[in-house]
Amino acid sequence: MRWTVTRAASEFGFDPKTVTARLKAIGLTPRSGRTFHTREITKALFGDLDTEKLLEVRERRKLLEKENATLDRTLVSMTEAEEILNNCLFPIDQRLAALPIEAAPLCNPSDPQLARAELQRWVDRNRPKIRNGIEAANRKPRKK
């Protein structure tokens, strides 16, 4: 079946100007006396399902690409994370190791040796606790 712009507008409940504009939008040129296949009219007025599906797939792909790009910028591997943490924790560990020597005279000026021994015992007792705490945090199940 073939349709004129006026007949298609009447049958499908559109203004003839709308039918003309939509036909032009899909690359067809309406002119006086020209007729169009039902397929052309319905594509112009209602869209093309295959094209719409393709557009949807493309939009989803764009969205996934954006999400992946965001993740690539924000996520680091476990190896990188451990390296970052080690770089942060190493200076802290070094300061902790130096604490007894540096703080003893300030803690007990009359007997810095006693203060140093007590501070060293504290460091020796607490360093493993700190390491265990870090290791325990690393063993916690990760959210997906």
N, C-alpha and C. Protein backbone atom coordinates (compact mmCIF):
# COMPACT_ATOMS: atom_id res chain seq x y z
N MET A 1 0.85 -1.18 0.00
CA MET A 1 0.00 0.00 0.00
C MET A 1 0.89 1.24 0.00
N ARG A 2 0.43 2.27 -0.67
CA ARG A 2 1.20 3.51 -0.75
C ARG A 2 0.35 4.65 -0.19
N TRP A 3 1.06 5.63 0.40
CA TRP A 3 0.38 6.71 1.12
C TRP A 3 0.85 8.08 0.60
N THR A 4 -0.10 9.00 0.52
CA THR A 4 0.28 10.40 0.34
C THR A 4 0.46 10.97 1.75
N VAL A 5 1.08 12.12 1.83
CA VAL A 5 1.26 12.77 3.15
C VAL A 5 -0.09 13.03 3.79
N THR A 6 -1.05 13.54 3.01
CA THR A 6 -2.37 13.89 3.55
C THR A 6 -3.11 12.64 4.05
N ARG A 7 -3.06 11.56 3.29
CA ARG A 7 -3.77 10.33 3.68
C ARG A 7 -3.12 9.71 4.92
N ALA A 8 -1.79 9.71 4.97
CA ALA A 8 -1.09 9.15 6.13
C ALA A 8 -1.39 9.98 7.38
N ALA A 9 -1.41 11.30 7.23
CA ALA A 9 -1.71 12.18 8.37
C ALA A 9 -3.10 11.90 8.90
N SER A 10 -4.05 11.75 8.03
CA SER A 10 -5.42 11.48 8.43
C SER A 10 -5.55 10.11 9.10
N GLU A 11 -4.93 9.10 8.50
CA GLU A 11 -5.05 7.73 9.01
C GLU A 11 -4.38 7.57 10.37
N PHE A 12 -3.21 8.18 10.56
CA PHE A 12 -2.45 7.98 11.80
C PHE A 12 -2.65 9.10 12.82
N GLY A 13 -3.47 10.08 12.50
CA GLY A 13 -3.81 11.12 13.47
C GLY A 13 -2.71 12.15 13.68
N PHE A 14 -1.98 12.48 12.62
CA PHE A 14 -0.92 13.48 12.69
C PHE A 14 -1.29 14.66 11.81
N ASP A 15 -0.72 15.79 12.08
CA ASP A 15 -0.85 16.95 11.20
C ASP A 15 0.00 16.70 9.96
N PRO A 16 -0.46 17.08 8.79
CA PRO A 16 0.34 16.87 7.57
C PRO A 16 1.74 17.51 7.66
N LYS A 17 1.85 18.65 8.35
CA LYS A 17 3.17 19.30 8.50
C LYS A 17 4.11 18.40 9.31
N THR A 18 3.56 17.72 10.32
CA THR A 18 4.36 16.81 11.14
C THR A 18 4.85 15.63 10.30
N VAL A 19 3.94 15.07 9.48
CA VAL A 19 4.30 13.95 8.62
C VAL A 19 5.39 14.39 7.65
N THR A 20 5.23 15.55 7.07
CA THR A 20 6.24 16.08 6.12
C THR A 20 7.59 16.25 6.81
N ALA A 21 7.58 16.85 7.99
CA ALA A 21 8.84 17.09 8.72
C ALA A 21 9.53 15.77 9.09
N ARG A 22 8.75 14.79 9.51
CA ARG A 22 9.35 13.51 9.91
C ARG A 22 9.85 12.72 8.70
N LEU A 23 9.17 12.83 7.60
CA LEU A 23 9.68 12.19 6.38
C LEU A 23 11.02 12.82 5.97
N LYS A 24 11.08 14.14 6.05
CA LYS A 24 12.34 14.83 5.73
C LYS A 24 13.45 14.41 6.69
N ALA A 25 13.08 14.21 7.95
CA ALA A 25 14.07 13.84 8.97
C ALA A 25 14.73 12.49 8.68
N ILE A 26 14.01 11.60 7.98
CA ILE A 26 14.62 10.30 7.65
C ILE A 26 15.15 10.28 6.22
N GLY A 27 15.22 11.47 5.60
CA GLY A 27 15.86 11.57 4.29
C GLY A 27 14.95 11.41 3.09
N LEU A 28 13.66 11.48 3.29
CA LEU A 28 12.71 11.38 2.18
C LEU A 28 12.16 12.77 1.87
N THR A 29 11.93 13.05 0.59
CA THR A 29 11.48 14.38 0.19
C THR A 29 10.02 14.34 -0.25
N PRO A 30 9.12 14.84 0.61
CA PRO A 30 7.71 14.87 0.22
C PRO A 30 7.47 15.99 -0.80
N ARG A 31 6.68 15.70 -1.80
CA ARG A 31 6.27 16.72 -2.77
C ARG A 31 4.87 16.34 -3.26
N SER A 32 4.27 17.24 -3.91
CA SER A 32 2.89 17.04 -4.37
C SER A 32 2.77 15.78 -5.22
N GLY A 33 1.85 14.93 -4.84
CA GLY A 33 1.57 13.71 -5.59
C GLY A 33 2.48 12.54 -5.27
N ARG A 34 3.53 12.76 -4.52
CA ARG A 34 4.43 11.63 -4.20
C ARG A 34 3.76 10.73 -3.17
N THR A 35 3.98 9.43 -3.32
CA THR A 35 3.45 8.47 -2.36
C THR A 35 4.62 7.72 -1.71
N PHE A 36 4.30 7.16 -0.54
CA PHE A 36 5.32 6.48 0.26
C PHE A 36 4.81 5.11 0.68
N HIS A 37 5.73 4.18 0.79
CA HIS A 37 5.38 2.85 1.28
C HIS A 37 4.98 2.93 2.75
N THR A 38 4.16 2.00 3.19
CA THR A 38 3.75 1.94 4.59
C THR A 38 4.97 1.90 5.50
N ARG A 39 5.97 1.13 5.11
CA ARG A 39 7.21 1.00 5.89
C ARG A 39 7.87 2.38 6.08
N GLU A 40 7.89 3.20 5.03
CA GLU A 40 8.51 4.54 5.11
C GLU A 40 7.70 5.45 6.03
N ILE A 41 6.38 5.39 5.90
CA ILE A 41 5.51 6.24 6.74
C ILE A 41 5.66 5.85 8.21
N THR A 42 5.58 4.55 8.49
CA THR A 42 5.66 4.13 9.90
C THR A 42 7.06 4.41 10.48
N LYS A 43 8.09 4.27 9.68
CA LYS A 43 9.43 4.58 10.16
C LYS A 43 9.54 6.07 10.49
N ALA A 44 8.98 6.91 9.62
CA ALA A 44 9.03 8.36 9.85
C ALA A 44 8.22 8.77 11.08
N LEU A 45 7.03 8.17 11.24
CA LEU A 45 6.15 8.58 12.33
C LEU A 45 6.46 7.92 13.66
N PHE A 46 6.87 6.66 13.62
CA PHE A 46 7.01 5.91 14.86
C PHE A 46 8.43 5.45 15.15
N GLY A 47 9.32 5.67 14.22
CA GLY A 47 10.70 5.25 14.43
C GLY A 47 10.93 3.83 13.93
N ASP A 48 12.17 3.46 13.93
CA ASP A 48 12.59 2.15 13.44
C ASP A 48 13.13 1.37 14.64
N LEU A 49 12.50 0.27 14.98
CA LEU A 49 12.85 -0.50 16.17
C LEU A 49 14.32 -0.92 16.14
N ASP A 50 14.79 -1.41 14.99
CA ASP A 50 16.20 -1.83 14.91
C ASP A 50 17.14 -0.66 15.15
N THR A 51 16.81 0.48 14.57
CA THR A 51 17.65 1.67 14.79
C THR A 51 17.61 2.10 16.24
N GLU A 52 16.43 2.08 16.84
CA GLU A 52 16.30 2.46 18.24
C GLU A 52 17.09 1.53 19.14
N LYS A 53 17.03 0.22 18.85
CA LYS A 53 17.80 -0.74 19.64
C LYS A 53 19.29 -0.48 19.49
N LEU A 54 19.73 -0.20 18.28
CA LEU A 54 21.14 0.10 18.04
C LEU A 54 21.56 1.36 18.80
N LEU A 55 20.72 2.39 18.78
CA LEU A 55 21.02 3.61 19.52
C LEU A 55 21.11 3.34 21.02
N GLU A 56 20.19 2.51 21.52
CA GLU A 56 20.22 2.17 22.95
C GLU A 56 21.50 1.42 23.31
N VAL A 57 21.88 0.47 22.47
CA VAL A 57 23.12 -0.29 22.72
C VAL A 57 24.32 0.65 22.71
N ARG A 58 24.34 1.58 21.77
CA ARG A 58 25.45 2.55 21.70
C ARG A 58 25.50 3.43 22.95
N GLU A 59 24.34 3.87 23.41
CA GLU A 59 24.29 4.70 24.62
C GLU A 59 24.75 3.92 25.85
N ARG A 60 24.33 2.67 25.94
CA ARG A 60 24.78 1.84 27.07
C ARG A 60 26.29 1.65 27.02
N ARG A 61 26.83 1.43 25.81
CA ARG A 61 28.28 1.28 25.66
C ARG A 61 29.00 2.55 26.10
N LYS A 62 28.48 3.71 25.69
CA LYS A 62 29.09 4.99 26.11
C LYS A 62 29.09 5.12 27.63
N LEU A 63 27.96 4.75 28.24
CA LEU A 63 27.85 4.82 29.69
C LEU A 63 28.86 3.89 30.36
N LEU A 64 28.97 2.66 29.86
CA LEU A 64 29.94 1.71 30.41
C LEU A 64 31.36 2.21 30.22
N GLU A 65 31.64 2.81 29.08
CA GLU A 65 32.99 3.35 28.84
C GLU A 65 33.30 4.47 29.85
N LYS A 66 32.31 5.31 30.12
CA LYS A 66 32.51 6.39 31.11
C LYS A 66 32.74 5.80 32.50
N GLU A 67 31.93 4.79 32.87
CA GLU A 67 32.08 4.16 34.18
C GLU A 67 33.45 3.49 34.29
N ASN A 68 33.86 2.81 33.23
CA ASN A 68 35.17 2.14 33.24
C ASN A 68 36.30 3.15 33.33
N ALA A 69 36.16 4.26 32.62
CA ALA A 69 37.19 5.30 32.68
C ALA A 69 37.29 5.86 34.10
N THR A 70 36.14 6.04 34.74
CA THR A 70 36.13 6.52 36.12
C THR A 70 36.80 5.50 37.04
N LEU A 71 36.46 4.23 36.87
CA LEU A 71 37.07 3.19 37.70
C LEU A 71 38.57 3.11 37.46
N ASP A 72 38.98 3.24 36.21
CA ASP A 72 40.42 3.18 35.91
C ASP A 72 41.18 4.29 36.62
N ARG A 73 40.53 5.45 36.78
CA ARG A 73 41.19 6.57 37.45
C ARG A 73 41.16 6.44 38.97
N THR A 74 40.21 5.67 39.51
CA THR A 74 40.05 5.63 40.96
C THR A 74 40.52 4.34 41.60
N LEU A 75 40.58 3.27 40.85
CA LEU A 75 40.97 1.99 41.43
C LEU A 75 42.46 1.74 41.24
N VAL A 76 43.06 1.14 42.24
CA VAL A 76 44.45 0.71 42.13
C VAL A 76 44.52 -0.77 42.47
N SER A 77 45.52 -1.43 41.96
CA SER A 77 45.67 -2.86 42.25
C SER A 77 46.09 -3.02 43.71
N MET A 78 45.94 -4.23 44.21
CA MET A 78 46.36 -4.51 45.59
C MET A 78 47.86 -4.28 45.74
N THR A 79 48.62 -4.64 44.73
CA THR A 79 50.07 -4.43 44.78
C THR A 79 50.38 -2.94 44.94
N GLU A 80 49.71 -2.11 44.14
CA GLU A 80 49.91 -0.66 44.24
C GLU A 80 49.47 -0.14 45.60
N ALA A 81 48.33 -0.64 46.09
CA ALA A 81 47.83 -0.19 47.39
C ALA A 81 48.81 -0.56 48.50
N GLU A 82 49.33 -1.79 48.45
CA GLU A 82 50.30 -2.20 49.47
C GLU A 82 51.56 -1.34 49.40
N GLU A 83 51.99 -1.02 48.20
CA GLU A 83 53.19 -0.18 48.05
C GLU A 83 52.93 1.22 48.62
N ILE A 84 51.78 1.76 48.34
CA ILE A 84 51.42 3.08 48.87
C ILE A 84 51.39 3.05 50.39
N LEU A 85 50.74 2.02 50.94
CA LEU A 85 50.67 1.90 52.40
C LEU A 85 52.05 1.71 53.01
N ASN A 86 52.87 0.87 52.39
CA ASN A 86 54.22 0.68 52.91
C ASN A 86 55.01 1.98 52.88
N ASN A 87 54.86 2.75 51.82
CA ASN A 87 55.56 4.03 51.75
C ASN A 87 55.09 5.00 52.82
N CYS A 88 53.83 4.89 53.20
CA CYS A 88 53.30 5.76 54.27
C CYS A 88 53.68 5.23 55.66
N LEU A 89 53.65 3.92 55.81
CA LEU A 89 53.89 3.34 57.13
C LEU A 89 55.37 3.24 57.49
N PHE A 90 56.24 3.13 56.51
CA PHE A 90 57.67 2.98 56.79
C PHE A 90 58.21 4.14 57.62
N PRO A 91 57.95 5.40 57.26
CA PRO A 91 58.45 6.50 58.09
C PRO A 91 57.88 6.47 59.52
N ILE A 92 56.62 6.03 59.64
CA ILE A 92 56.01 5.94 60.98
C ILE A 92 56.75 4.88 61.79
N ASP A 93 57.01 3.75 61.17
CA ASP A 93 57.74 2.67 61.84
C ASP A 93 59.14 3.14 62.25
N GLN A 94 59.79 3.89 61.37
CA GLN A 94 61.13 4.41 61.68
C GLN A 94 61.09 5.36 62.89
N ARG A 95 60.08 6.21 62.93
CA ARG A 95 59.96 7.14 64.06
C ARG A 95 59.67 6.37 65.34
N LEU A 96 58.84 5.33 65.23
CA LEU A 96 58.53 4.50 66.39
C LEU A 96 59.80 3.82 66.91
N ALA A 97 60.64 3.35 65.99
CA ALA A 97 61.90 2.70 66.39
C ALA A 97 62.84 3.69 67.09
N ALA A 98 62.81 4.94 66.66
CA ALA A 98 63.70 5.95 67.24
C ALA A 98 63.15 6.55 68.53
N LEU A 99 61.90 6.32 68.82
CA LEU A 99 61.25 6.91 69.98
C LEU A 99 62.00 6.70 71.30
N PRO A 100 62.39 5.48 71.65
CA PRO A 100 63.05 5.30 72.95
C PRO A 100 64.31 6.15 73.11
N ILE A 101 65.13 6.20 72.08
CA ILE A 101 66.39 6.96 72.16
C ILE A 101 66.11 8.45 72.26
N GLU A 102 65.20 8.94 71.42
CA GLU A 102 64.94 10.37 71.37
C GLU A 102 64.11 10.88 72.54
N ALA A 103 63.16 10.08 73.01
CA ALA A 103 62.24 10.57 74.04
C ALA A 103 62.70 10.29 75.46
N ALA A 104 63.61 9.34 75.64
CA ALA A 104 64.02 8.96 77.01
C ALA A 104 64.50 10.15 77.83
N PRO A 105 65.41 10.98 77.31
CA PRO A 105 65.88 12.12 78.14
C PRO A 105 64.76 13.10 78.48
N LEU A 106 63.75 13.16 77.62
CA LEU A 106 62.64 14.09 77.89
C LEU A 106 61.66 13.50 78.90
N CYS A 107 61.50 12.17 78.88
CA CYS A 107 60.56 11.51 79.78
C CYS A 107 61.09 11.46 81.22
N ASN A 108 62.37 11.18 81.36
CA ASN A 108 62.96 11.04 82.69
C ASN A 108 64.39 11.58 82.65
N PRO A 109 64.54 12.90 82.77
CA PRO A 109 65.88 13.48 82.67
C PRO A 109 66.84 12.96 83.74
N SER A 110 66.32 12.56 84.90
CA SER A 110 67.21 12.08 85.96
C SER A 110 67.70 10.66 85.71
N ASP A 111 66.93 9.87 84.94
CA ASP A 111 67.35 8.50 84.63
C ASP A 111 66.90 8.13 83.20
N PRO A 112 67.55 8.70 82.18
CA PRO A 112 67.14 8.44 80.80
C PRO A 112 67.31 6.98 80.39
N GLN A 113 68.24 6.25 81.03
CA GLN A 113 68.43 4.84 80.69
C GLN A 113 67.20 4.02 81.07
N LEU A 114 66.66 4.27 82.25
CA LEU A 114 65.45 3.59 82.69
C LEU A 114 64.30 3.94 81.74
N ALA A 115 64.15 5.23 81.41
CA ALA A 115 63.08 5.66 80.51
C ALA A 115 63.25 4.99 79.14
N ARG A 116 64.49 4.93 78.67
CA ARG A 116 64.74 4.31 77.36
C ARG A 116 64.35 2.83 77.39
N ALA A 117 64.69 2.13 78.44
CA ALA A 117 64.37 0.71 78.55
C ALA A 117 62.85 0.50 78.56
N GLU A 118 62.14 1.34 79.32
CA GLU A 118 60.67 1.22 79.38
C GLU A 118 60.03 1.56 78.04
N LEU A 119 60.52 2.61 77.39
CA LEU A 119 59.98 2.98 76.08
C LEU A 119 60.27 1.89 75.05
N GLN A 120 61.45 1.30 75.12
CA GLN A 120 61.81 0.24 74.18
C GLN A 120 60.89 -0.98 74.38
N ARG A 121 60.62 -1.31 75.66
CA ARG A 121 59.69 -2.42 75.93
C ARG A 121 58.31 -2.12 75.34
N TRP A 122 57.87 -0.88 75.50
CA TRP A 122 56.56 -0.49 74.96
C TRP A 122 56.55 -0.64 73.43
N VAL A 123 57.60 -0.15 72.78
CA VAL A 123 57.70 -0.26 71.32
C VAL A 123 57.73 -1.73 70.91
N ASP A 124 58.53 -2.53 71.59
CA ASP A 124 58.65 -3.95 71.25
C ASP A 124 57.33 -4.69 71.42
N ARG A 125 56.54 -4.30 72.44
CA ARG A 125 55.24 -4.95 72.67
C ARG A 125 54.20 -4.49 71.64
N ASN A 126 54.26 -3.24 71.24
CA ASN A 126 53.18 -2.67 70.42
C ASN A 126 53.42 -2.74 68.92
N ARG A 127 54.65 -2.85 68.49
CA ARG A 127 54.90 -2.98 67.05
C ARG A 127 54.19 -4.20 66.47
N PRO A 128 54.28 -5.38 67.09
CA PRO A 128 53.55 -6.53 66.55
C PRO A 128 52.02 -6.32 66.55
N LYS A 129 51.52 -5.63 67.56
CA LYS A 129 50.08 -5.37 67.60
C LYS A 129 49.66 -4.48 66.43
N ILE A 130 50.49 -3.50 66.14
CA ILE A 130 50.20 -2.60 65.01
C ILE A 130 50.24 -3.39 63.70
N ARG A 131 51.28 -4.20 63.52
CA ARG A 131 51.39 -5.02 62.30
C ARG A 131 50.20 -5.98 62.18
N ASN A 132 49.84 -6.62 63.31
CA ASN A 132 48.70 -7.55 63.29
C ASN A 132 47.40 -6.83 62.92
N GLY A 133 47.25 -5.62 63.43
CA GLY A 133 46.06 -4.83 63.09
C GLY A 133 46.00 -4.51 61.62
N ILE A 134 47.13 -4.17 61.03
CA ILE A 134 47.18 -3.87 59.59
C ILE A 134 46.90 -5.13 58.79
N GLU A 135 47.51 -6.23 59.19
CA GLU A 135 47.29 -7.49 58.48
C GLU A 135 45.83 -7.95 58.60
N ALA A 136 45.24 -7.77 59.77
CA ALA A 136 43.84 -8.15 59.96
C ALA A 136 42.94 -7.31 59.06
N ALA A 137 43.25 -6.03 58.95
CA ALA A 137 42.46 -5.16 58.08
C ALA A 137 42.58 -5.60 56.62
N ASN A 138 43.73 -6.07 56.23
CA ASN A 138 43.95 -6.55 54.85
C ASN A 138 43.22 -7.86 54.59
N ARG A 139 42.95 -8.64 55.62
CA ARG A 139 42.28 -9.93 55.45
C ARG A 139 40.76 -9.81 55.41
N LYS A 140 40.22 -8.67 55.79
CA LYS A 140 38.76 -8.50 55.80
C LYS A 140 38.22 -8.70 54.40
N PRO A 141 37.04 -9.35 54.29
CA PRO A 141 36.46 -9.55 52.96
C PRO A 141 36.17 -8.20 52.30
N ARG A 142 36.42 -8.12 51.02
CA ARG A 142 36.21 -6.88 50.28
C ARG A 142 34.80 -6.86 49.71
N LYS A 143 34.21 -5.68 49.72
CA LYS A 143 32.89 -5.51 49.12
C LYS A 143 33.05 -5.50 47.61
N LYS A 144 32.09 -6.10 46.95
CA LYS A 144 32.14 -6.15 45.47
C LYS A 144 31.19 -5.15 44.88
